[in-house]
Structures are given as structure tokens and as C-alpha cells.
Amino acid sequence: MTAVKQKMKDVIEAQPEDATYEEILRELAFERMVERGLADSRNAHVISNKQMEHRIRSWQK
């Protein structure tokens, strides 16, 4: 089994027995977002708080 499939299996198996399809998909998506964020951080693909503040302010216009 590939590492990706194993990670997905682990996330799914960690869900409660009564978890819905949507809840499981949401958890898988969240796990992927966290992994991407950590990879960006490890590879120094980050921006400063000031730059993020500027981006957020531009969205509010």
C-alpha cells in the first residue's frame, strides 16, 4: 500500500463509526490542507504577517 493510501486509511479509521460520508471527506480534505501547509513551511514558501494583513485587507474591498 502506498503512503498516500495508508494515510487516507488512517484518517478514515480514526473517524467515529457513525461518521457520515461528508464528514469523512471533510477530514480527508483537512488533512491534505495541513500536509500542504507543512510542506510549504518546510520549503520556505511563506509570507510575513504584514503581507498576509495586506492580502486580507484587499479581499475586504
Protein backbone atom coordinates (compact mmCIF):
# COMPACT_ATOMS: atom_id res chain seq x y z
CA MET A 1 0.00 0.00 0.00
CA THR A 2 1.33 3.44 -0.86
CA ALA A 3 2.00 6.02 1.83
CA VAL A 4 -0.86 8.14 0.50
CA LYS A 5 -3.35 5.29 0.68
CA GLN A 6 -2.12 4.37 4.16
CA LYS A 7 -2.57 7.96 5.38
CA MET A 8 -6.09 8.06 3.94
CA LYS A 9 -6.89 4.74 5.58
CA ASP A 10 -5.58 6.03 8.92
CA VAL A 11 -7.72 9.18 8.71
CA ILE A 12 -10.83 7.17 7.79
CA GLU A 13 -10.28 4.61 10.53
CA ALA A 14 -9.86 7.40 13.10
CA GLN A 15 -13.42 8.58 12.42
CA PRO A 16 -16.28 7.50 14.66
CA GLU A 17 -18.41 4.60 13.45
CA ASP A 18 -21.37 6.92 12.79
CA ALA A 19 -19.35 9.41 10.69
CA THR A 20 -21.10 10.47 7.52
CA TYR A 21 -19.59 10.41 4.05
CA GLU A 22 -19.40 14.22 4.12
CA GLU A 23 -17.65 14.25 7.50
CA ILE A 24 -15.05 11.76 6.29
CA LEU A 25 -14.44 13.76 3.11
CA ARG A 26 -14.08 16.92 5.19
CA GLU A 27 -11.49 15.24 7.41
CA LEU A 28 -9.55 13.96 4.40
CA ALA A 29 -9.56 17.45 2.87
CA PHE A 30 -8.45 19.00 6.17
CA GLU A 31 -5.60 16.50 6.47
CA ARG A 32 -4.47 17.35 2.93
CA MET A 33 -4.57 21.09 3.65
CA VAL A 34 -2.47 20.62 6.78
CA GLU A 35 0.07 18.49 4.89
CA ARG A 36 0.32 21.10 2.12
CA GLY A 37 0.80 23.88 4.67
CA LEU A 38 3.53 21.98 6.47
CA ALA A 39 5.27 21.26 3.15
CA ASP A 40 5.10 24.96 2.24
CA SER A 41 6.61 25.83 5.62
CA ARG A 42 9.41 23.28 5.26
CA ASN A 43 10.20 24.65 1.78
CA ALA A 44 10.15 28.28 3.00
CA HIS A 45 7.09 29.10 0.90
CA VAL A 46 5.74 31.51 3.49
CA ILE A 47 4.80 35.17 3.71
CA SER A 48 5.10 37.65 6.55
CA ASN A 49 2.23 38.65 8.80
CA LYS A 50 2.36 42.10 7.23
CA GLN A 51 1.98 40.64 3.73
CA MET A 52 -0.93 38.50 4.90
CA GLU A 53 -2.58 41.50 6.52
CA HIS A 54 -2.32 43.35 3.20
CA ARG A 55 -3.88 40.42 1.32
CA ILE A 56 -6.78 40.16 3.76
CA ARG A 57 -7.46 43.90 3.55
CA SER A 58 -7.53 43.67 -0.26
CA TRP A 59 -10.20 40.92 -0.02
CA GLN A 60 -12.41 43.14 2.12
CA LYS A 61 -12.72 45.84 -0.56
